[in-house]
Amino acid sequence: MHFKAAYFKTAIVLVIAVLIYSSLVPARTVEPESREHVVEISNLRFIPKEIVVAPGDTIIWVNRDFVPHTVTANDESWDSGLIEAEGRWETVIKADMQEGYFCRYHPSMTAKLFIIRRQ
């Protein structure tokens, strides 16, 4: 009888220890997967003109026009350089990136990123 009581007490202590430990250790959060977005440059426009992205996402701009273009932040903090016809440029989104952008060769070509935080 004494053996069963000791075994039972040990089992209770172990269960309590596991419960206390699991409440103190934060749950592992699964990082959301980054996404890839494509923006076409066609007919002197960025398509889509507005795009929702999150930090870690990759945007690929593909130039479908016959003339070169750039993808340049409004504050010029990031810039693709020259993208030839049928060329492409990509970047990974950072939380503090300038959201508005334009083409240096065609300043009326404008577009915007909406950078959000995934949950």
N, C-alpha and C. Protein backbone atom coordinates (compact mmCIF):
# COMPACT_ATOMS: atom_id res chain seq x y z
N MET A 1 0.80 -1.17 0.00
CA MET A 1 0.00 0.00 0.00
C MET A 1 0.86 1.26 0.00
N HIS A 2 1.92 1.21 0.76
CA HIS A 2 2.82 2.36 0.86
C HIS A 2 3.44 2.69 -0.51
N PHE A 3 3.74 1.64 -1.29
CA PHE A 3 4.33 1.83 -2.61
C PHE A 3 3.37 2.55 -3.55
N LYS A 4 2.09 2.19 -3.55
CA LYS A 4 1.10 2.83 -4.40
C LYS A 4 0.92 4.30 -4.05
N ALA A 5 0.91 4.62 -2.81
CA ALA A 5 0.76 6.01 -2.37
C ALA A 5 1.95 6.85 -2.82
N ALA A 6 3.15 6.31 -2.69
CA ALA A 6 4.35 7.03 -3.11
C ALA A 6 4.34 7.23 -4.63
N TYR A 7 3.94 6.21 -5.35
CA TYR A 7 3.85 6.30 -6.81
C TYR A 7 2.84 7.36 -7.21
N PHE A 8 1.69 7.36 -6.57
CA PHE A 8 0.65 8.33 -6.87
C PHE A 8 1.11 9.75 -6.58
N LYS A 9 1.78 9.96 -5.44
CA LYS A 9 2.29 11.29 -5.09
C LYS A 9 3.32 11.76 -6.11
N THR A 10 4.20 10.87 -6.56
CA THR A 10 5.21 11.22 -7.57
C THR A 10 4.54 11.62 -8.88
N ALA A 11 3.52 10.87 -9.26
CA ALA A 11 2.81 11.18 -10.51
C ALA A 11 2.14 12.56 -10.41
N ILE A 12 1.54 12.86 -9.27
CA ILE A 12 0.89 14.16 -9.07
C ILE A 12 1.93 15.28 -9.15
N VAL A 13 3.06 15.11 -8.50
CA VAL A 13 4.11 16.12 -8.52
C VAL A 13 4.60 16.35 -9.95
N LEU A 14 4.78 15.28 -10.72
CA LEU A 14 5.22 15.41 -12.11
C LEU A 14 4.19 16.16 -12.96
N VAL A 15 2.94 15.84 -12.80
CA VAL A 15 1.89 16.52 -13.56
C VAL A 15 1.87 18.01 -13.21
N ILE A 16 1.96 18.33 -11.94
CA ILE A 16 1.97 19.74 -11.52
C ILE A 16 3.20 20.44 -12.08
N ALA A 17 4.35 19.80 -12.05
CA ALA A 17 5.58 20.40 -12.58
C ALA A 17 5.44 20.68 -14.08
N VAL A 18 4.87 19.74 -14.81
CA VAL A 18 4.67 19.94 -16.26
C VAL A 18 3.71 21.10 -16.50
N LEU A 19 2.64 21.18 -15.75
CA LEU A 19 1.68 22.27 -15.92
C LEU A 19 2.31 23.62 -15.60
N ILE A 20 3.07 23.69 -14.53
CA ILE A 20 3.74 24.95 -14.17
C ILE A 20 4.74 25.32 -15.26
N TYR A 21 5.56 24.37 -15.71
CA TYR A 21 6.57 24.65 -16.74
C TYR A 21 5.90 25.14 -18.03
N SER A 22 4.84 24.47 -18.44
CA SER A 22 4.19 24.86 -19.70
C SER A 22 3.53 26.23 -19.61
N SER A 23 3.15 26.65 -18.41
CA SER A 23 2.56 27.98 -18.28
C SER A 23 3.62 29.07 -18.24
N LEU A 24 4.85 28.71 -17.89
CA LEU A 24 5.93 29.70 -17.82
C LEU A 24 6.67 29.87 -19.15
N VAL A 25 6.73 28.82 -19.94
CA VAL A 25 7.45 28.87 -21.21
C VAL A 25 6.50 29.42 -22.27
N PRO A 26 6.87 30.50 -22.95
CA PRO A 26 5.97 31.04 -23.97
C PRO A 26 5.78 30.05 -25.11
N ALA A 27 4.59 30.06 -25.64
CA ALA A 27 4.30 29.19 -26.78
C ALA A 27 5.12 29.63 -27.97
N ARG A 28 5.61 28.68 -28.74
CA ARG A 28 6.35 29.03 -29.95
C ARG A 28 5.39 29.57 -30.98
N THR A 29 5.74 30.71 -31.52
CA THR A 29 4.90 31.28 -32.55
C THR A 29 5.47 30.88 -33.90
N VAL A 30 4.59 30.58 -34.79
CA VAL A 30 5.00 30.20 -36.13
C VAL A 30 5.02 31.47 -36.97
N GLU A 31 6.17 31.75 -37.55
CA GLU A 31 6.28 32.92 -38.40
C GLU A 31 5.50 32.68 -39.68
N PRO A 32 4.70 33.65 -40.09
CA PRO A 32 3.96 33.47 -41.33
C PRO A 32 4.94 33.41 -42.50
N GLU A 33 4.56 32.66 -43.49
CA GLU A 33 5.41 32.55 -44.66
C GLU A 33 5.40 33.85 -45.43
N SER A 34 6.57 34.19 -45.96
CA SER A 34 6.63 35.38 -46.80
C SER A 34 5.98 35.04 -48.14
N ARG A 35 5.54 36.08 -48.81
CA ARG A 35 4.84 35.91 -50.09
C ARG A 35 5.61 36.59 -51.19
N GLU A 36 5.31 36.21 -52.39
CA GLU A 36 5.91 36.82 -53.57
C GLU A 36 4.80 37.51 -54.36
N HIS A 37 5.06 38.76 -54.74
CA HIS A 37 4.10 39.56 -55.49
C HIS A 37 4.75 40.00 -56.80
N VAL A 38 3.97 40.06 -57.85
CA VAL A 38 4.49 40.53 -59.14
C VAL A 38 3.74 41.79 -59.53
N VAL A 39 4.50 42.82 -59.91
CA VAL A 39 3.94 44.06 -60.43
C VAL A 39 4.44 44.18 -61.86
N GLU A 40 3.51 44.28 -62.79
CA GLU A 40 3.89 44.46 -64.19
C GLU A 40 3.97 45.94 -64.52
N ILE A 41 4.95 46.27 -65.32
CA ILE A 41 5.07 47.63 -65.85
C ILE A 41 4.64 47.52 -67.30
N SER A 42 3.51 48.13 -67.62
CA SER A 42 2.92 47.99 -68.95
C SER A 42 2.13 49.25 -69.30
N ASN A 43 2.28 49.70 -70.54
CA ASN A 43 1.57 50.89 -71.01
C ASN A 43 1.80 52.09 -70.08
N LEU A 44 3.05 52.23 -69.65
CA LEU A 44 3.46 53.33 -68.78
C LEU A 44 2.66 53.37 -67.47
N ARG A 45 2.39 52.16 -66.92
CA ARG A 45 1.69 52.05 -65.64
C ARG A 45 2.28 50.90 -64.83
N PHE A 46 2.16 51.01 -63.51
CA PHE A 46 2.46 49.90 -62.61
C PHE A 46 1.14 49.18 -62.36
N ILE A 47 1.11 47.87 -62.59
CA ILE A 47 -0.11 47.10 -62.44
C ILE A 47 0.16 45.93 -61.49
N PRO A 48 -0.44 45.91 -60.32
CA PRO A 48 -1.42 46.86 -59.80
C PRO A 48 -0.75 48.14 -59.30
N LYS A 49 -1.55 49.19 -59.24
CA LYS A 49 -1.06 50.49 -58.79
C LYS A 49 -0.87 50.52 -57.28
N GLU A 50 -1.66 49.75 -56.56
CA GLU A 50 -1.54 49.64 -55.10
C GLU A 50 -1.46 48.17 -54.75
N ILE A 51 -0.59 47.86 -53.80
CA ILE A 51 -0.42 46.46 -53.41
C ILE A 51 -0.17 46.38 -51.90
N VAL A 52 -0.79 45.40 -51.27
CA VAL A 52 -0.63 45.19 -49.83
C VAL A 52 0.44 44.13 -49.63
N VAL A 53 1.46 44.47 -48.85
CA VAL A 53 2.59 43.58 -48.61
C VAL A 53 2.93 43.59 -47.12
N ALA A 54 3.78 42.66 -46.73
CA ALA A 54 4.23 42.59 -45.34
C ALA A 54 5.75 42.46 -45.33
N PRO A 55 6.37 42.87 -44.24
CA PRO A 55 7.82 42.70 -44.15
C PRO A 55 8.21 41.24 -44.43
N GLY A 56 9.24 41.07 -45.21
CA GLY A 56 9.68 39.72 -45.60
C GLY A 56 9.15 39.29 -46.95
N ASP A 57 8.08 39.92 -47.43
CA ASP A 57 7.56 39.61 -48.76
C ASP A 57 8.54 40.08 -49.82
N THR A 58 8.49 39.45 -50.97
CA THR A 58 9.30 39.85 -52.12
C THR A 58 8.37 40.41 -53.19
N ILE A 59 8.77 41.55 -53.76
CA ILE A 59 8.03 42.09 -54.91
C ILE A 59 8.95 42.01 -56.11
N ILE A 60 8.40 41.53 -57.21
CA ILE A 60 9.12 41.46 -58.47
C ILE A 60 8.42 42.37 -59.46
N TRP A 61 9.15 43.35 -59.98
CA TRP A 61 8.62 44.22 -61.03
C TRP A 61 9.14 43.70 -62.36
N VAL A 62 8.22 43.53 -63.31
CA VAL A 62 8.58 43.02 -64.64
C VAL A 62 8.19 44.09 -65.67
N ASN A 63 9.17 44.53 -66.46
CA ASN A 63 8.93 45.58 -67.45
C ASN A 63 8.44 44.97 -68.75
N ARG A 64 7.16 45.15 -69.06
CA ARG A 64 6.56 44.65 -70.30
C ARG A 64 6.51 45.72 -71.39
N ASP A 65 6.98 46.92 -71.07
CA ASP A 65 7.03 48.01 -72.06
C ASP A 65 8.25 47.86 -72.96
N PHE A 66 8.26 48.65 -74.04
CA PHE A 66 9.40 48.65 -74.96
C PHE A 66 10.47 49.64 -74.54
N VAL A 67 10.20 50.42 -73.51
CA VAL A 67 11.14 51.43 -73.04
C VAL A 67 11.59 51.09 -71.62
N PRO A 68 12.75 51.58 -71.19
CA PRO A 68 13.21 51.30 -69.83
C PRO A 68 12.43 52.10 -68.79
N HIS A 69 12.45 51.59 -67.59
CA HIS A 69 11.78 52.22 -66.45
C HIS A 69 12.65 52.04 -65.21
N THR A 70 12.27 52.73 -64.15
CA THR A 70 12.83 52.48 -62.82
C THR A 70 11.68 52.29 -61.85
N VAL A 71 12.02 51.75 -60.69
CA VAL A 71 11.11 51.67 -59.56
C VAL A 71 11.86 52.40 -58.44
N THR A 72 11.42 53.60 -58.14
CA THR A 72 12.16 54.48 -57.24
C THR A 72 11.25 54.98 -56.12
N ALA A 73 11.70 54.84 -54.89
CA ALA A 73 10.94 55.33 -53.74
C ALA A 73 10.76 56.84 -53.85
N ASN A 74 9.62 57.36 -53.42
CA ASN A 74 9.37 58.81 -53.47
C ASN A 74 10.47 59.60 -52.78
N ASP A 75 11.02 59.06 -51.69
CA ASP A 75 12.11 59.76 -51.00
C ASP A 75 13.49 59.29 -51.49
N GLU A 76 13.49 58.48 -52.54
CA GLU A 76 14.69 57.94 -53.18
C GLU A 76 15.54 57.07 -52.26
N SER A 77 14.93 56.52 -51.22
CA SER A 77 15.66 55.66 -50.28
C SER A 77 15.93 54.27 -50.87
N TRP A 78 15.20 53.88 -51.88
CA TRP A 78 15.48 52.65 -52.61
C TRP A 78 15.18 52.88 -54.07
N ASP A 79 15.89 52.15 -54.92
CA ASP A 79 15.79 52.39 -56.37
C ASP A 79 16.26 51.15 -57.11
N SER A 80 15.55 50.83 -58.16
CA SER A 80 15.89 49.65 -58.96
C SER A 80 17.04 49.88 -59.91
N GLY A 81 17.30 51.14 -60.22
CA GLY A 81 18.18 51.39 -61.36
C GLY A 81 17.39 51.11 -62.63
N LEU A 82 18.05 51.12 -63.74
CA LEU A 82 17.41 50.94 -65.05
C LEU A 82 16.87 49.51 -65.19
N ILE A 83 15.62 49.40 -65.55
CA ILE A 83 15.02 48.09 -65.87
C ILE A 83 14.71 48.12 -67.37
N GLU A 84 15.47 47.40 -68.14
CA GLU A 84 15.27 47.35 -69.59
C GLU A 84 13.95 46.67 -69.94
N ALA A 85 13.52 46.83 -71.19
CA ALA A 85 12.33 46.13 -71.68
C ALA A 85 12.50 44.63 -71.44
N GLU A 86 11.47 44.00 -70.93
CA GLU A 86 11.45 42.58 -70.56
C GLU A 86 12.39 42.26 -69.40
N GLY A 87 12.93 43.27 -68.76
CA GLY A 87 13.77 43.07 -67.59
C GLY A 87 12.94 42.98 -66.34
N ARG A 88 13.60 42.69 -65.24
CA ARG A 88 12.89 42.58 -63.97
C ARG A 88 13.81 43.01 -62.84
N TRP A 89 13.17 43.40 -61.74
CA TRP A 89 13.90 43.77 -60.53
C TRP A 89 13.06 43.34 -59.34
N GLU A 90 13.73 42.91 -58.29
CA GLU A 90 12.98 42.49 -57.10
C GLU A 90 13.64 43.02 -55.85
N THR A 91 12.82 43.13 -54.81
CA THR A 91 13.31 43.54 -53.50
C THR A 91 12.48 42.87 -52.42
N VAL A 92 13.08 42.75 -51.25
CA VAL A 92 12.37 42.20 -50.09
C VAL A 92 11.89 43.37 -49.25
N ILE A 93 10.64 43.33 -48.86
CA ILE A 93 10.01 44.42 -48.11
C ILE A 93 10.53 44.47 -46.68
N LYS A 94 10.83 45.70 -46.24
CA LYS A 94 11.22 45.96 -44.86
C LYS A 94 10.14 46.83 -44.23
N ALA A 95 9.96 46.71 -42.93
CA ALA A 95 8.88 47.41 -42.23
C ALA A 95 8.96 48.93 -42.39
N ASP A 96 10.15 49.47 -42.51
CA ASP A 96 10.31 50.93 -42.55
C ASP A 96 10.52 51.49 -43.95
N MET A 97 10.22 50.71 -44.97
CA MET A 97 10.42 51.18 -46.35
C MET A 97 9.45 52.30 -46.70
N GLN A 98 9.92 53.21 -47.53
CA GLN A 98 9.05 54.23 -48.13
C GLN A 98 8.02 53.49 -48.97
N GLU A 99 6.76 53.85 -48.85
CA GLU A 99 5.69 53.11 -49.52
C GLU A 99 5.38 53.61 -50.93
N GLY A 100 5.47 54.91 -51.16
CA GLY A 100 5.17 55.43 -52.48
C GLY A 100 6.37 55.31 -53.40
N TYR A 101 6.11 55.05 -54.69
CA TYR A 101 7.22 54.96 -55.65
C TYR A 101 6.79 55.46 -57.02
N PHE A 102 7.79 55.68 -57.90
CA PHE A 102 7.55 56.23 -59.23
C PHE A 102 8.65 55.76 -60.18
N CYS A 103 8.53 56.14 -61.45
CA CYS A 103 9.56 55.87 -62.45
C CYS A 103 10.33 57.17 -62.70
N ARG A 104 11.64 57.12 -62.60
CA ARG A 104 12.46 58.33 -62.81
C ARG A 104 12.31 58.88 -64.23
N TYR A 105 12.13 58.00 -65.20
CA TYR A 105 12.02 58.43 -66.60
C TYR A 105 10.62 58.93 -66.94
N HIS A 106 9.65 58.49 -66.18
CA HIS A 106 8.24 58.85 -66.44
C HIS A 106 7.59 59.18 -65.10
N PRO A 107 7.85 60.38 -64.55
CA PRO A 107 7.41 60.72 -63.19
C PRO A 107 5.90 60.64 -62.96
N SER A 108 5.12 60.63 -64.04
CA SER A 108 3.67 60.49 -63.85
C SER A 108 3.30 59.04 -63.52
N MET A 109 4.23 58.12 -63.70
CA MET A 109 4.00 56.71 -63.32
C MET A 109 4.24 56.59 -61.82
N THR A 110 3.18 56.43 -61.07
CA THR A 110 3.30 56.32 -59.61
C THR A 110 2.51 55.10 -59.13
N ALA A 111 2.90 54.64 -57.96
CA ALA A 111 2.20 53.51 -57.34
C ALA A 111 2.51 53.53 -55.85
N LYS A 112 1.88 52.60 -55.13
CA LYS A 112 2.06 52.61 -53.67
C LYS A 112 2.01 51.20 -53.11
N LEU A 113 2.89 50.98 -52.13
CA LEU A 113 2.87 49.77 -51.32
C LEU A 113 2.14 50.10 -50.03
N PHE A 114 1.36 49.19 -49.54
CA PHE A 114 0.76 49.31 -48.21
C PHE A 114 1.39 48.22 -47.37
N ILE A 115 2.31 48.61 -46.50
CA ILE A 115 3.05 47.65 -45.69
C ILE A 115 2.29 47.40 -44.38
N ILE A 116 1.90 46.15 -44.18
CA ILE A 116 1.14 45.77 -42.99
C ILE A 116 1.94 44.74 -42.20
N ARG A 117 1.53 44.52 -40.97
CA ARG A 117 2.14 43.48 -40.15
C ARG A 117 1.20 42.28 -40.15
N ARG A 118 1.74 41.13 -40.46
CA ARG A 118 0.93 39.91 -40.43
C ARG A 118 0.69 39.50 -38.99
N GLN A 119 -0.44 38.83 -38.75
CA GLN A 119 -0.73 38.36 -37.40
C GLN A 119 -0.76 36.87 -37.35
